Amino acid sequence: MEEAESRISRLEDEAGARQSSQEMMEKQLEDTQWKLTDLEDRMRRNNLRVLGLGSDKTEYGTGKDYGLYTSEILSYPKSYL
């Protein structure tokens, strides 16, 4: 009888540990899903608002010239255009 009680107690302890581990994993999954959604949303934001420059692209020539001008200001490679 004592052996059965100790086995039941051990199984209950293991079940409790698994339950807390599962809850922790579910929380991590939820956090990771939120981070993934946030990153995907940020990747879709490809518009920059540059204050101090005219909004008329013809002021700088063609749209490509405007991109080259912007790349010089922001110091990023022209290959990104």
PDB file of N, CA and C in Angstrom:
ATOM      1  N   MET A   1       0.820  -1.191   0.000  1.00  0.00           N
ATOM      2  CA  MET A   1       0.000   0.000   0.000  1.00  0.00           C
ATOM      3  C   MET A   1       0.868   1.261   0.000  1.00  0.00           C
ATOM      4  N   GLU A   2       1.922   1.226   0.767  1.00  0.00           N
ATOM      5  CA  GLU A   2       2.827   2.371   0.826  1.00  0.00           C
ATOM      6  C   GLU A   2       3.489   2.626  -0.527  1.00  0.00           C
ATOM      7  N   GLU A   3       3.826   1.540  -1.193  1.00  0.00           N
ATOM      8  CA  GLU A   3       4.459   1.654  -2.506  1.00  0.00           C
ATOM      9  C   GLU A   3       3.509   2.326  -3.497  1.00  0.00           C
ATOM     10  N   ALA A   4       2.245   1.982  -3.472  1.00  0.00           N
ATOM     11  CA  ALA A   4       1.256   2.576  -4.372  1.00  0.00           C
ATOM     12  C   ALA A   4       1.115   4.067  -4.085  1.00  0.00           C
ATOM     13  N   GLU A   5       1.088   4.442  -2.805  1.00  0.00           N
ATOM     14  CA  GLU A   5       0.975   5.853  -2.440  1.00  0.00           C
ATOM     15  C   GLU A   5       2.186   6.648  -2.928  1.00  0.00           C
ATOM     16  N   SER A   6       3.368   6.075  -2.792  1.00  0.00           N
ATOM     17  CA  SER A   6       4.571   6.794  -3.233  1.00  0.00           C
ATOM     18  C   SER A   6       4.582   6.926  -4.760  1.00  0.00           C
ATOM     19  N   ARG A   7       4.125   5.897  -5.451  1.00  0.00           N
ATOM     20  CA  ARG A   7       4.070   5.970  -6.914  1.00  0.00           C
ATOM     21  C   ARG A   7       3.053   7.020  -7.367  1.00  0.00           C
ATOM     22  N   ILE A   8       1.899   7.043  -6.701  1.00  0.00           N
ATOM     23  CA  ILE A   8       0.874   8.037  -7.037  1.00  0.00           C
ATOM     24  C   ILE A   8       1.400   9.440  -6.758  1.00  0.00           C
ATOM     25  N   SER A   9       2.062   9.611  -5.635  1.00  0.00           N
ATOM     26  CA  SER A   9       2.629  10.910  -5.276  1.00  0.00           C
ATOM     27  C   SER A   9       3.665  11.358  -6.307  1.00  0.00           C
ATOM     28  N   ARG A  10       4.527  10.433  -6.712  1.00  0.00           N
ATOM     29  CA  ARG A  10       5.553  10.752  -7.705  1.00  0.00           C
ATOM     30  C   ARG A  10       4.904  11.140  -9.031  1.00  0.00           C
ATOM     31  N   LEU A  11       3.872  10.403  -9.444  1.00  0.00           N
ATOM     32  CA  LEU A  11       3.178  10.712 -10.697  1.00  0.00           C
ATOM     33  C   LEU A  11       2.477  12.073 -10.635  1.00  0.00           C
ATOM     34  N   GLU A  12       1.896  12.392  -9.473  1.00  0.00           N
ATOM     35  CA  GLU A  12       1.262  13.698  -9.314  1.00  0.00           C
ATOM     36  C   GLU A  12       2.293  14.815  -9.405  1.00  0.00           C
ATOM     37  N   ASP A  13       3.459  14.611  -8.804  1.00  0.00           N
ATOM     38  CA  ASP A  13       4.536  15.603  -8.880  1.00  0.00           C
ATOM     39  C   ASP A  13       4.990  15.802 -10.324  1.00  0.00           C
ATOM     40  N   GLU A  14       5.162  14.694 -11.045  1.00  0.00           N
ATOM     41  CA  GLU A  14       5.578  14.781 -12.445  1.00  0.00           C
ATOM     42  C   GLU A  14       4.518  15.487 -13.287  1.00  0.00           C
ATOM     43  N   ALA A  15       3.243  15.201 -13.008  1.00  0.00           N
ATOM     44  CA  ALA A  15       2.155  15.839 -13.757  1.00  0.00           C
ATOM     45  C   ALA A  15       2.149  17.344 -13.496  1.00  0.00           C
ATOM     46  N   GLY A  16       2.387  17.738 -12.250  1.00  0.00           N
ATOM     47  CA  GLY A  16       2.448  19.168 -11.917  1.00  0.00           C
ATOM     48  C   GLY A  16       3.601  19.860 -12.622  1.00  0.00           C
ATOM     49  N   ALA A  17       4.750  19.191 -12.655  1.00  0.00           N
ATOM     50  CA  ALA A  17       5.918  19.763 -13.334  1.00  0.00           C
ATOM     51  C   ALA A  17       5.655  19.893 -14.832  1.00  0.00           C
ATOM     52  N   ARG A  18       5.019  18.894 -15.407  1.00  0.00           N
ATOM     53  CA  ARG A  18       4.707  18.953 -16.843  1.00  0.00           C
ATOM     54  C   ARG A  18       3.701  20.059 -17.137  1.00  0.00           C
ATOM     55  N   GLN A  19       2.746  20.235 -16.239  1.00  0.00           N
ATOM     56  CA  GLN A  19       1.737  21.279 -16.428  1.00  0.00           C
ATOM     57  C   GLN A  19       2.396  22.656 -16.425  1.00  0.00           C
ATOM     58  N   SER A  20       3.288  22.903 -15.468  1.00  0.00           N
ATOM     59  CA  SER A  20       3.949  24.208 -15.421  1.00  0.00           C
ATOM     60  C   SER A  20       4.871  24.393 -16.624  1.00  0.00           C
ATOM     61  N   SER A  21       5.513  23.317 -17.052  1.00  0.00           N
ATOM     62  CA  SER A  21       6.369  23.388 -18.237  1.00  0.00           C
ATOM     63  C   SER A  21       5.536  23.700 -19.479  1.00  0.00           C
ATOM     64  N   GLN A  22       4.378  23.086 -19.590  1.00  0.00           N
ATOM     65  CA  GLN A  22       3.497  23.336 -20.730  1.00  0.00           C
ATOM     66  C   GLN A  22       3.011  24.782 -20.718  1.00  0.00           C
ATOM     67  N   GLU A  23       2.656  25.299 -19.554  1.00  0.00           N
ATOM     68  CA  GLU A  23       2.200  26.682 -19.462  1.00  0.00           C
ATOM     69  C   GLU A  23       3.308  27.642 -19.880  1.00  0.00           C
ATOM     70  N   MET A  24       4.546  27.341 -19.464  1.00  0.00           N
ATOM     71  CA  MET A  24       5.683  28.176 -19.831  1.00  0.00           C
ATOM     72  C   MET A  24       5.902  28.143 -21.347  1.00  0.00           C
ATOM     73  N   MET A  25       5.801  26.955 -21.942  1.00  0.00           N
ATOM     74  CA  MET A  25       5.978  26.827 -23.391  1.00  0.00           C
ATOM     75  C   MET A  25       4.878  27.553 -24.152  1.00  0.00           C
ATOM     76  N   GLU A  26       3.649  27.495 -23.651  1.00  0.00           N
ATOM     77  CA  GLU A  26       2.547  28.197 -24.297  1.00  0.00           C
ATOM     78  C   GLU A  26       2.779  29.703 -24.251  1.00  0.00           C
ATOM     79  N   LYS A  27       3.289  30.205 -23.123  1.00  0.00           N
ATOM     80  CA  LYS A  27       3.597  31.630 -22.991  1.00  0.00           C
ATOM     81  C   LYS A  27       4.712  32.018 -23.959  1.00  0.00           C
ATOM     82  N   GLN A  28       5.753  31.186 -24.062  1.00  0.00           N
ATOM     83  CA  GLN A  28       6.841  31.465 -25.000  1.00  0.00           C
ATOM     84  C   GLN A  28       6.335  31.454 -26.442  1.00  0.00           C
ATOM     85  N   LEU A  29       5.462  30.520 -26.765  1.00  0.00           N
ATOM     86  CA  LEU A  29       4.893  30.448 -28.109  1.00  0.00           C
ATOM     87  C   LEU A  29       4.086  31.704 -28.412  1.00  0.00           C
ATOM     88  N   GLU A  30       3.286  32.134 -27.458  1.00  0.00           N
ATOM     89  CA  GLU A  30       2.490  33.342 -27.637  1.00  0.00           C
ATOM     90  C   GLU A  30       3.396  34.554 -27.857  1.00  0.00           C
ATOM     91  N   ASP A  31       4.451  34.680 -27.049  1.00  0.00           N
ATOM     92  CA  ASP A  31       5.399  35.788 -27.204  1.00  0.00           C
ATOM     93  C   ASP A  31       6.091  35.735 -28.562  1.00  0.00           C
ATOM     94  N   THR A  32       6.499  34.547 -28.978  1.00  0.00           N
ATOM     95  CA  THR A  32       7.191  34.385 -30.257  1.00  0.00           C
ATOM     96  C   THR A  32       6.261  34.721 -31.417  1.00  0.00           C
ATOM     97  N   GLN A  33       5.005  34.305 -31.329  1.00  0.00           N
ATOM     98  CA  GLN A  33       4.046  34.631 -32.386  1.00  0.00           C
ATOM     99  C   GLN A  33       3.832  36.139 -32.470  1.00  0.00           C
ATOM    100  N   TRP A  34       3.770  36.810 -31.311  1.00  0.00           N
ATOM    101  CA  TRP A  34       3.600  38.261 -31.302  1.00  0.00           C
ATOM    102  C   TRP A  34       4.814  38.935 -31.940  1.00  0.00           C
ATOM    103  N   LYS A  35       6.016  38.463 -31.592  1.00  0.00           N
ATOM    104  CA  LYS A  35       7.238  39.038 -32.158  1.00  0.00           C
ATOM    105  C   LYS A  35       7.287  38.831 -33.671  1.00  0.00           C
ATOM    106  N   LEU A  36       6.893  37.654 -34.130  1.00  0.00           N
ATOM    107  CA  LEU A  36       6.882  37.361 -35.563  1.00  0.00           C
ATOM    108  C   LEU A  36       5.908  38.283 -36.289  1.00  0.00           C
ATOM    109  N   THR A  37       4.729  38.452 -35.736  1.00  0.00           N
ATOM    110  CA  THR A  37       3.736  39.345 -36.335  1.00  0.00           C
ATOM    111  C   THR A  37       4.273  40.768 -36.391  1.00  0.00           C
ATOM    112  N   ASP A  38       4.906  41.212 -35.308  1.00  0.00           N
ATOM    113  CA  ASP A  38       5.473  42.553 -35.260  1.00  0.00           C
ATOM    114  C   ASP A  38       6.569  42.723 -36.313  1.00  0.00           C
ATOM    115  N   LEU A  39       7.450  41.736 -36.442  1.00  0.00           N
ATOM    116  CA  LEU A  39       8.519  41.809 -37.443  1.00  0.00           C
ATOM    117  C   LEU A  39       7.958  41.830 -38.860  1.00  0.00           C
ATOM    118  N   GLU A  40       6.953  40.999 -39.125  1.00  0.00           N
ATOM    119  CA  GLU A  40       6.335  40.984 -40.455  1.00  0.00           C
ATOM    120  C   GLU A  40       5.709  42.337 -40.769  1.00  0.00           C
ATOM    121  N   ASP A  41       5.046  42.931 -39.777  1.00  0.00           N
ATOM    122  CA  ASP A  41       4.438  44.244 -39.983  1.00  0.00           C
ATOM    123  C   ASP A  41       5.502  45.299 -40.261  1.00  0.00           C
ATOM    124  N   ARG A  42       6.600  45.241 -39.534  1.00  0.00           N
ATOM    125  CA  ARG A  42       7.672  46.225 -39.736  1.00  0.00           C
ATOM    126  C   ARG A  42       8.333  46.056 -41.103  1.00  0.00           C
ATOM    127  N   MET A  43       8.446  44.816 -41.576  1.00  0.00           N
ATOM    128  CA  MET A  43       9.051  44.582 -42.889  1.00  0.00           C
ATOM    129  C   MET A  43       8.193  45.176 -44.003  1.00  0.00           C
ATOM    130  N   ARG A  44       6.905  45.254 -43.786  1.00  0.00           N
ATOM    131  CA  ARG A  44       6.004  45.783 -44.812  1.00  0.00           C
ATOM    132  C   ARG A  44       6.025  47.307 -44.856  1.00  0.00           C
ATOM    133  N   ARG A  45       6.587  47.924 -43.849  1.00  0.00           N
ATOM    134  CA  ARG A  45       6.644  49.386 -43.803  1.00  0.00           C
ATOM    135  C   ARG A  45       7.858  49.857 -44.591  1.00  0.00           C
ATOM    136  N   ASN A  46       7.681  50.102 -45.846  1.00  0.00           N
ATOM    137  CA  ASN A  46       8.804  50.515 -46.667  1.00  0.00           C
ATOM    138  C   ASN A  46       8.756  51.995 -47.010  1.00  0.00           C
ATOM    139  N   ASN A  47       7.888  52.737 -46.387  1.00  0.00           N
ATOM    140  CA  ASN A  47       7.775  54.159 -46.663  1.00  0.00           C
ATOM    141  C   ASN A  47       8.489  54.952 -45.576  1.00  0.00           C
ATOM    142  N   LEU A  48       9.270  55.907 -46.004  1.00  0.00           N
ATOM    143  CA  LEU A  48       9.941  56.810 -45.081  1.00  0.00           C
ATOM    144  C   LEU A  48       9.413  58.212 -45.316  1.00  0.00           C
ATOM    145  N   ARG A  49       9.270  58.944 -44.265  1.00  0.00           N
ATOM    146  CA  ARG A  49       8.894  60.340 -44.392  1.00  0.00           C
ATOM    147  C   ARG A  49      10.137  61.155 -44.066  1.00  0.00           C
ATOM    148  N   VAL A  50      10.631  61.864 -45.050  1.00  0.00           N
ATOM    149  CA  VAL A  50      11.820  62.689 -44.870  1.00  0.00           C
ATOM    150  C   VAL A  50      11.359  64.132 -44.835  1.00  0.00           C
ATOM    151  N   LEU A  51      11.518  64.756 -43.691  1.00  0.00           N
ATOM    152  CA  LEU A  51      11.098  66.143 -43.537  1.00  0.00           C
ATOM    153  C   LEU A  51      12.171  67.063 -44.106  1.00  0.00           C
ATOM    154  N   GLY A  52      11.752  68.134 -44.707  1.00  0.00           N
ATOM    155  CA  GLY A  52      12.693  69.099 -45.246  1.00  0.00           C
ATOM    156  C   GLY A  52      12.929  68.947 -46.735  1.00  0.00           C
ATOM    157  N   LEU A  53      12.448  67.885 -47.339  1.00  0.00           N
ATOM    158  CA  LEU A  53      12.566  67.688 -48.781  1.00  0.00           C
ATOM    159  C   LEU A  53      11.200  67.898 -49.404  1.00  0.00           C
ATOM    160  N   GLY A  54      11.204  68.452 -50.577  1.00  0.00           N
ATOM    161  CA  GLY A  54       9.943  68.640 -51.275  1.00  0.00           C
ATOM    162  C   GLY A  54       9.310  67.307 -51.617  1.00  0.00           C
ATOM    163  N   SER A  55       8.006  67.274 -51.642  1.00  0.00           N
ATOM    164  CA  SER A  55       7.330  66.019 -51.958  1.00  0.00           C
ATOM    165  C   SER A  55       7.229  65.797 -53.465  1.00  0.00           C
ATOM    166  N   ASP A  56       7.550  66.811 -54.252  1.00  0.00           N
ATOM    167  CA  ASP A  56       7.477  66.692 -55.708  1.00  0.00           C
ATOM    168  C   ASP A  56       8.750  66.037 -56.221  1.00  0.00           C
ATOM    169  N   LYS A  57       8.631  64.839 -56.767  1.00  0.00           N
ATOM    170  CA  LYS A  57       9.806  64.107 -57.245  1.00  0.00           C
ATOM    171  C   LYS A  57      10.469  64.800 -58.431  1.00  0.00           C
ATOM    172  N   THR A  58       9.720  65.591 -59.169  1.00  0.00           N
ATOM    173  CA  THR A  58      10.313  66.251 -60.335  1.00  0.00           C
ATOM    174  C   THR A  58      11.351  67.279 -59.921  1.00  0.00           C
ATOM    175  N   GLU A  59      11.305  67.728 -58.694  1.00  0.00           N
ATOM    176  CA  GLU A  59      12.301  68.670 -58.196  1.00  0.00           C
ATOM    177  C   GLU A  59      13.700  68.056 -58.272  1.00  0.00           C
ATOM    178  N   TYR A  60      13.788  66.727 -58.149  1.00  0.00           N
ATOM    179  CA  TYR A  60      15.062  66.029 -58.168  1.00  0.00           C
ATOM    180  C   TYR A  60      15.260  65.259 -59.465  1.00  0.00           C
ATOM    181  N   GLY A  61      14.406  65.432 -60.403  1.00  0.00           N
ATOM    182  CA  GLY A  61      14.495  64.684 -61.650  1.00  0.00           C
ATOM    183  C   GLY A  61      13.549  63.500 -61.604  1.00  0.00           C
ATOM    184  N   THR A  62      13.994  62.385 -62.155  1.00  0.00           N
ATOM    185  CA  THR A  62      13.144  61.193 -62.193  1.00  0.00           C
ATOM    186  C   THR A  62      13.058  60.561 -60.814  1.00  0.00           C
ATOM    187  N   GLY A  63      12.170  59.607 -60.671  1.00  0.00           N
ATOM    188  CA  GLY A  63      12.046  58.876 -59.406  1.00  0.00           C
ATOM    189  C   GLY A  63      13.336  58.182 -59.030  1.00  0.00           C
ATOM    190  N   LYS A  64      14.074  57.703 -60.038  1.00  0.00           N
ATOM    191  CA  LYS A  64      15.346  57.032 -59.764  1.00  0.00           C
ATOM    192  C   LYS A  64      16.353  58.031 -59.197  1.00  0.00           C
ATOM    193  N   ASP A  65      16.400  59.255 -59.762  1.00  0.00           N
ATOM    194  CA  ASP A  65      17.301  60.281 -59.235  1.00  0.00           C
ATOM    195  C   ASP A  65      16.951  60.612 -57.788  1.00  0.00           C
ATOM    196  N   TYR A  66      15.670  60.664 -57.514  1.00  0.00           N
ATOM    197  CA  TYR A  66      15.210  60.932 -56.149  1.00  0.00           C
ATOM    198  C   TYR A  66      15.715  59.842 -55.211  1.00  0.00           C
ATOM    199  N   GLY A  67      15.663  58.577 -55.674  1.00  0.00           N
ATOM    200  CA  GLY A  67      16.162  57.468 -54.866  1.00  0.00           C
ATOM    201  C   GLY A  67      17.654  57.564 -54.649  1.00  0.00           C
ATOM    202  N   LEU A  68      18.407  57.959 -55.685  1.00  0.00           N
ATOM    203  CA  LEU A  68      19.858  58.115 -55.539  1.00  0.00           C
ATOM    204  C   LEU A  68      20.181  59.231 -54.561  1.00  0.00           C
ATOM    205  N   TYR A  69      19.438  60.327 -54.662  1.00  0.00           N
ATOM    206  CA  TYR A  69      19.630  61.449 -53.744  1.00  0.00           C
ATOM    207  C   TYR A  69      19.353  61.011 -52.310  1.00  0.00           C
ATOM    208  N   THR A  70      18.275  60.274 -52.134  1.00  0.00           N
ATOM    209  CA  THR A  70      17.913  59.780 -50.807  1.00  0.00           C
ATOM    210  C   THR A  70      18.963  58.817 -50.281  1.00  0.00           C
ATOM    211  N   SER A  71      19.509  57.965 -51.138  1.00  0.00           N
ATOM    212  CA  SER A  71      20.521  57.009 -50.680  1.00  0.00           C
ATOM    213  C   SER A  71      21.780  57.728 -50.215  1.00  0.00           C
ATOM    214  N   GLU A  72      22.112  58.857 -50.843  1.00  0.00           N
ATOM    215  CA  GLU A  72      23.273  59.628 -50.400  1.00  0.00           C
ATOM    216  C   GLU A  72      23.028  60.230 -49.026  1.00  0.00           C
ATOM    217  N   ILE A  73      21.830  60.734 -48.803  1.00  0.00           N
ATOM    218  CA  ILE A  73      21.502  61.339 -47.510  1.00  0.00           C
ATOM    219  C   ILE A  73      21.519  60.286 -46.405  1.00  0.00           C
ATOM    220  N   LEU A  74      20.916  59.135 -46.668  1.00  0.00           N
ATOM    221  CA  LEU A  74      20.789  58.097 -45.649  1.00  0.00           C
ATOM    222  C   LEU A  74      22.004  57.189 -45.567  1.00  0.00           C
ATOM    223  N   SER A  75      22.927  57.327 -46.487  1.00  0.00           N
ATOM    224  CA  SER A  75      24.167  56.532 -46.521  1.00  0.00           C
ATOM    225  C   SER A  75      23.901  55.036 -46.553  1.00  0.00           C
ATOM    226  N   TYR A  76      23.089  54.597 -47.482  1.00  0.00           N
ATOM    227  CA  TYR A  76      22.909  53.163 -47.687  1.00  0.00           C
ATOM    228  C   TYR A  76      23.250  52.844 -49.135  1.00  0.00           C
ATOM    229  N   PRO A  77      23.648  51.609 -49.392  1.00  0.00           N
ATOM    230  CA  PRO A  77      24.103  51.249 -50.741  1.00  0.00           C
ATOM    231  C   PRO A  77      23.024  51.462 -51.797  1.00  0.00           C
ATOM    232  N   LYS A  78      23.444  51.893 -52.957  1.00  0.00           N
ATOM    233  CA  LYS A  78      22.507  52.126 -54.056  1.00  0.00           C
ATOM    234  C   LYS A  78      21.907  50.825 -54.568  1.00  0.00           C
ATOM    235  N   SER A  79      22.515  49.704 -54.221  1.00  0.00           N
ATOM    236  CA  SER A  79      21.979  48.410 -54.662  1.00  0.00           C
ATOM    237  C   SER A  79      20.624  48.115 -54.030  1.00  0.00           C
ATOM    238  N   TYR A  80      20.260  48.817 -52.954  1.00  0.00           N
ATOM    239  CA  TYR A  80      18.962  48.607 -52.312  1.00  0.00           C
ATOM    240  C   TYR A  80      17.833  49.263 -53.082  1.00  0.00           C
ATOM    241  N   LEU A  81      18.167  50.100 -54.050  1.00  0.00           N
ATOM    242  CA  LEU A  81      17.120  50.822 -54.784  1.00  0.00           C
ATOM    243  C   LEU A  81      16.400  49.938 -55.746  1.00  0.00           C
TER     244      LEU A  81
END
